[in-house]
Structure formats: C-alpha cells, structure tokens
Protein backbone atom coordinates (compact mmCIF):
# COMPACT_ATOMS: atom_id res chain seq x y z
CA MET A 1 14.70 19.18 -17.06
CA PRO A 2 18.44 20.14 -16.57
CA SER A 3 20.96 17.19 -17.05
CA PRO A 4 22.29 14.81 -15.86
CA LEU A 5 19.20 13.10 -14.16
CA ILE A 6 19.84 10.54 -11.40
CA LEU A 7 16.21 8.61 -11.43
CA VAL A 8 15.88 5.88 -8.57
CA ASN A 9 13.53 3.17 -9.26
CA LEU A 10 12.01 1.68 -5.89
CA LYS A 11 10.55 -1.13 -7.89
CA THR A 12 8.86 -3.27 -5.42
CA TYR A 13 11.92 -3.83 -2.52
CA LYS A 14 10.14 -3.60 0.97
CA GLU A 15 13.00 -1.45 1.46
CA GLY A 16 10.85 1.32 -1.03
CA MET A 17 7.68 0.89 0.25
CA GLY A 18 5.64 3.39 2.64
CA ASN A 19 7.90 5.17 5.40
CA ARG A 20 10.93 4.02 4.00
CA ALA A 21 9.92 5.21 0.36
CA HIS A 22 8.95 8.50 2.00
CA GLN A 23 12.88 8.22 3.64
CA ILE A 24 14.40 8.15 0.40
CA ALA A 25 12.70 10.81 -1.24
CA THR A 26 13.76 12.85 1.86
CA ALA A 27 17.15 12.09 1.08
CA ALA A 28 17.11 12.58 -2.72
CA GLN A 29 15.33 16.00 -2.41
CA LEU A 30 18.13 17.12 0.13
CA VAL A 31 21.00 16.01 -1.80
CA ALA A 32 19.42 17.33 -5.23
CA ARG A 33 19.15 21.07 -3.23
CA GLU A 34 22.57 20.35 -2.15
CA SER A 35 24.29 19.41 -5.50
CA GLY A 36 21.95 21.01 -7.87
CA THR A 37 21.51 17.94 -9.54
CA THR A 38 18.27 16.61 -10.65
CA ILE A 39 17.40 13.51 -8.23
CA GLY A 40 14.05 11.90 -9.32
CA ILE A 41 12.36 8.62 -7.84
CA ALA A 42 9.87 5.95 -9.53
CA PRO A 43 7.89 4.42 -6.28
CA ASN A 44 5.23 1.92 -6.34
CA PHE A 45 1.93 2.90 -7.57
CA ILE A 46 0.58 2.83 -4.04
CA ASP A 47 2.96 5.71 -3.02
CA LEU A 48 2.93 7.75 -6.12
CA HIS A 49 0.40 10.37 -5.13
CA PRO A 50 1.90 11.06 -1.72
CA LEU A 51 5.26 11.16 -2.48
CA CYS A 52 3.96 13.43 -5.41
CA HIS A 53 2.37 15.64 -3.46
CA HIS A 54 4.80 15.84 -0.41
CA PHE A 55 8.06 16.39 -2.33
CA THR A 56 9.30 18.58 -5.12
CA ILE A 57 11.77 16.06 -6.99
CA PRO A 58 10.43 14.48 -10.28
CA VAL A 59 8.61 11.57 -9.47
CA TYR A 60 7.73 9.07 -12.19
CA ALA A 61 5.06 6.09 -12.40
CA GLN A 62 7.16 2.27 -13.32
CA HIS A 63 4.98 1.56 -15.84
CA VAL A 64 1.77 3.11 -17.82
CA ASP A 65 -0.50 1.23 -20.02
CA GLY A 66 -1.38 3.03 -23.30
CA SER A 67 -5.42 2.33 -22.61
CA GLU A 68 -7.66 5.08 -22.36
CA PRO A 69 -9.89 5.47 -18.95
CA GLY A 70 -12.77 3.26 -19.12
CA ALA A 71 -13.42 -0.96 -18.79
CA HIS A 72 -9.71 -1.95 -17.91
CA THR A 73 -9.79 -3.38 -14.52
CA GLY A 74 -5.96 -3.50 -13.29
CA GLN A 75 -4.48 -1.27 -16.21
CA ILE A 76 -2.74 2.17 -15.30
CA ASN A 77 -3.47 5.00 -17.72
CA ALA A 78 -1.72 8.28 -18.40
CA ASP A 79 -4.73 9.92 -17.00
CA ALA A 80 -4.29 7.94 -13.72
CA ILE A 81 -0.51 9.15 -13.00
CA LYS A 82 -1.10 12.79 -14.22
CA PHE A 83 -4.01 13.42 -11.53
CA ALA A 84 -1.53 11.57 -9.42
CA GLY A 85 0.69 14.07 -10.02
CA ALA A 86 3.73 12.25 -11.91
CA THR A 87 5.91 14.11 -13.95
CA GLY A 88 6.02 10.65 -16.21
CA SER A 89 6.75 7.25 -16.33
CA LEU A 90 9.02 4.42 -17.50
CA VAL A 91 7.96 2.30 -19.77
CA ASN A 92 8.94 -1.12 -21.33
CA HIS A 93 11.41 -1.88 -18.25
CA SER A 94 13.09 -5.19 -18.44
CA GLU A 95 11.05 -6.26 -15.41
CA ARG A 96 7.88 -5.26 -17.21
CA ARG A 97 8.64 -5.88 -21.10
CA LEU A 98 5.87 -4.66 -23.67
CA THR A 99 5.17 -5.27 -27.20
CA LEU A 100 6.53 -2.50 -29.48
CA ALA A 101 2.70 -1.65 -30.47
CA ASP A 102 2.09 -1.37 -26.34
CA ILE A 103 5.45 0.48 -26.02
CA GLU A 104 4.34 3.22 -28.78
CA ALA A 105 0.59 3.30 -27.16
CA SER A 106 2.45 4.09 -23.70
CA VAL A 107 4.69 6.78 -25.30
CA ARG A 108 1.66 8.63 -26.96
CA ALA A 109 -0.31 8.47 -23.93
CA LEU A 110 2.15 10.15 -22.19
CA GLN A 111 3.07 12.52 -24.73
CA ALA A 112 -0.95 13.45 -25.12
CA HIS A 113 -1.07 14.34 -21.22
CA LYS A 114 2.73 16.31 -21.56
CA LEU A 115 4.56 13.89 -18.94
CA ILE A 116 7.77 12.66 -19.75
CA ALA A 117 8.10 8.92 -21.48
CA ILE A 118 11.41 7.04 -20.65
CA VAL A 119 11.63 3.90 -22.74
CA CYS A 120 13.99 1.46 -21.29
CA THR A 121 15.90 -0.36 -23.69
CA ASN A 122 18.33 -3.24 -23.96
CA ASN A 123 20.79 -2.95 -26.35
CA ASP A 124 21.83 0.06 -29.47
CA ILE A 125 19.20 -1.69 -31.80
CA THR A 126 16.40 -1.38 -29.93
CA SER A 127 17.89 2.25 -28.34
CA ALA A 128 17.09 3.15 -32.08
CA ALA A 129 14.15 1.81 -32.33
CA ALA A 130 12.76 3.43 -29.10
CA SER A 131 14.39 6.59 -30.61
CA ALA A 132 11.83 6.52 -33.53
CA LEU A 133 9.06 7.16 -31.18
CA SER A 134 10.28 10.43 -29.79
CA PRO A 135 10.41 9.85 -26.33
CA GLU A 136 12.25 12.40 -24.12
CA TYR A 137 14.69 9.56 -22.74
CA VAL A 138 15.89 6.07 -23.82
CA ALA A 139 17.74 4.29 -20.95
CA ILE A 140 19.60 1.69 -22.06
CA GLU A 141 20.04 -1.25 -19.46
CA PRO A 142 21.41 -4.47 -20.51
CA PRO A 143 19.54 -7.04 -18.27
CA GLU A 144 22.15 -9.34 -17.04
CA LEU A 145 23.73 -6.48 -15.43
CA ILE A 146 20.67 -5.06 -13.47
CA GLY A 147 20.98 -5.89 -9.88
CA SER A 148 24.66 -7.84 -10.50
CA GLY A 149 26.49 -5.09 -8.51
CA VAL A 150 28.50 -4.92 -11.79
CA SER A 151 28.31 -1.37 -13.59
CA VAL A 152 27.64 -1.38 -17.26
CA SER A 153 29.77 1.80 -16.99
CA LYS A 154 32.66 -0.46 -16.32
CA ALA A 155 31.54 -3.63 -17.72
CA ASN A 156 30.15 -2.53 -21.14
CA PRO A 157 31.17 1.04 -22.12
CA GLU A 158 31.02 0.03 -25.84
CA ILE A 159 27.12 -0.72 -25.31
CA ILE A 160 26.76 2.96 -24.30
CA ARG A 161 28.73 4.98 -26.87
CA LYS A 162 27.02 2.32 -29.43
CA SER A 163 23.19 3.43 -27.92
CA VAL A 164 23.99 7.31 -27.71
CA ALA A 165 25.25 6.83 -31.33
CA ALA A 166 22.16 5.07 -32.51
CA VAL A 167 19.72 7.41 -30.42
CA HIS A 168 21.20 10.92 -31.66
CA ALA A 169 21.25 9.35 -35.40
CA ILE A 170 17.62 9.05 -34.97
CA ASN A 171 17.28 12.34 -33.00
CA PRO A 172 19.46 14.16 -31.24
CA LYS A 173 17.08 15.91 -29.13
CA ILE A 174 16.45 12.70 -27.21
CA LYS A 175 18.20 12.22 -23.95
CA VAL A 176 19.93 8.83 -22.96
CA LEU A 177 19.99 7.23 -19.77
CA THR A 178 22.01 4.53 -18.72
CA GLY A 179 21.73 1.74 -16.01
CA ALA A 180 22.37 -1.70 -14.56
CA GLY A 181 24.85 -2.14 -11.62
CA ILE A 182 25.46 1.94 -11.02
CA GLN A 183 26.71 2.57 -7.71
CA SER A 184 29.30 4.84 -7.29
CA GLY A 185 30.09 8.61 -8.54
CA GLU A 186 32.47 7.00 -10.81
CA CYS A 187 30.01 4.85 -12.43
CA VAL A 188 27.88 7.98 -13.12
CA LYS A 189 30.94 10.21 -14.20
CA ILE A 190 31.86 7.48 -16.67
CA ALA A 191 28.09 7.41 -17.93
CA VAL A 192 28.13 10.87 -18.61
CA ASP A 193 31.62 11.22 -19.91
CA LEU A 194 30.35 8.58 -22.79
CA GLY A 195 27.63 10.94 -23.51
CA THR A 196 24.51 10.23 -21.65
CA ASP A 197 22.15 12.05 -19.70
CA GLY A 198 22.26 10.65 -16.65
CA VAL A 199 21.89 7.05 -14.96
CA LEU A 200 18.91 5.01 -13.68
CA LEU A 201 19.46 3.02 -10.70
CA ALA A 202 17.50 0.95 -7.98
CA SER A 203 19.46 -1.19 -5.35
CA SER A 204 22.29 0.62 -4.65
CA VAL A 205 20.21 3.54 -3.28
CA VAL A 206 17.05 1.70 -2.26
CA LYS A 207 18.54 -1.09 -0.10
CA SER A 208 21.36 1.24 1.45
CA ALA A 209 21.14 2.03 5.33
CA ASP A 210 21.80 5.81 4.61
CA PRO A 211 20.52 6.76 1.13
CA ALA A 212 21.69 9.95 1.37
CA ALA A 213 25.37 8.75 1.67
CA VAL A 214 25.24 7.01 -1.50
CA LEU A 215 23.31 9.76 -3.40
CA ARG A 216 26.13 12.51 -2.35
CA ASP A 217 28.31 9.52 -3.51
CA LEU A 218 26.74 9.23 -6.88
CA VAL A 219 26.71 13.30 -7.41
CA SER A 220 30.52 13.67 -6.22
CA LYS A 221 32.05 13.57 -9.31
CA LEU A 222 29.50 15.46 -11.56
C-alpha cells in the first residue's frame, strides 16, 4: 500500500454510524482520488460489511480477536472480517487494550488470512515489543493526547522519533503511523517528516460538519 496512509477511526461516535459513516467514506474516497493519497476508514462492526462493498478505499476493523471460528460468542475473528471484505484491523487500540498474548494471537490470525495488522502502542518501548510480531504497521498514540485536540506531532515529536527508531531497529520493513490529536495538514506533514508513514485519527474528521474539507486539509501538505 502506498505511503502515506491517512486512517480515520470512526470509533462508536454517533457521527460515524449508519448513513453518516457512508458520507465519511464518500468524502474519503473523493479526496483519495483527488490527491492520490491512501485514505482508509475503520468503522464500527455493524457498518463494516456495507462499507467494504460500497467503497474502494481500504476499510479496517477496529478490533479482532485471535480466536478460531467456533463457540466464542461475542468475539470477532479474522475469518469474519475477511468475509466482510476488510483490508485488515486495528489491534490493541488504547480504548481496546489487549494482553501481549492476545496481541500476538490477533496479529497471527490476521496474517494467516493475509490481512493487514495495525498494532497500536503508546510509547517507544511498546512499539519495539509490537515490532517483534512483524505486523505491517505499528501506530504510536500517546493516550493522554487522544481526543485532546493537541497534536502529538507538535506536543511530543520526540516520542515519534524514538518510536520510529525503535520499530526500525527491530524490523525496518514495518511502517509506522502516528496518532492522537491529529487535526491539520501541518500535523500530518510533521509526522511524515519525522519518519512515519501516515497518521491515525478520529474526531477531527468524524465530528466535522464537512469531512471532505478536513481531509483535503490533512493531505494538503503532502
């Protein structure tokens, strides 16, 4: 997948459900075509299947369990998101933390189905640990900045530098995303200039009255 990646996590915001999820996906697809930038979305599970089949942009699950198909009520396995048409999944988001064993199981399940794993971490040490599992992406997000409106690119650029270095010291092929408070093209440019391969963000797009305008700004300096 070409860099950089702009990945919009719709979380479970009301502004990111149902028809509104389709509107955001429409905006993402439009801006991706205009700019040549890869823009993906991570909707809630109810919207995953329809968005995968109505749009050509990458669509990711927000979480995946490492379990096999079977008697695991309430779990979401890699088979299910593959059948839905997903590109891959977030793993270990700060709002859905997992044990190291569960992270490994989720990554292995995704890899077995040739799906992309994006493992979320909170500092350079956990980024290095995640890299040992060889996911396609590690996404560094300091939890204290998520949803704060304060961009990690500006507030804590050193954690980005350290995380990129930690990841590439383990496996230089792994791509790095950065997130938390990303809200403008300047934030994205700083993140990319610091060595990352894109950003993971949510509220600045999802809660906007004009998602396309926000997305155009996000890619404007690339």
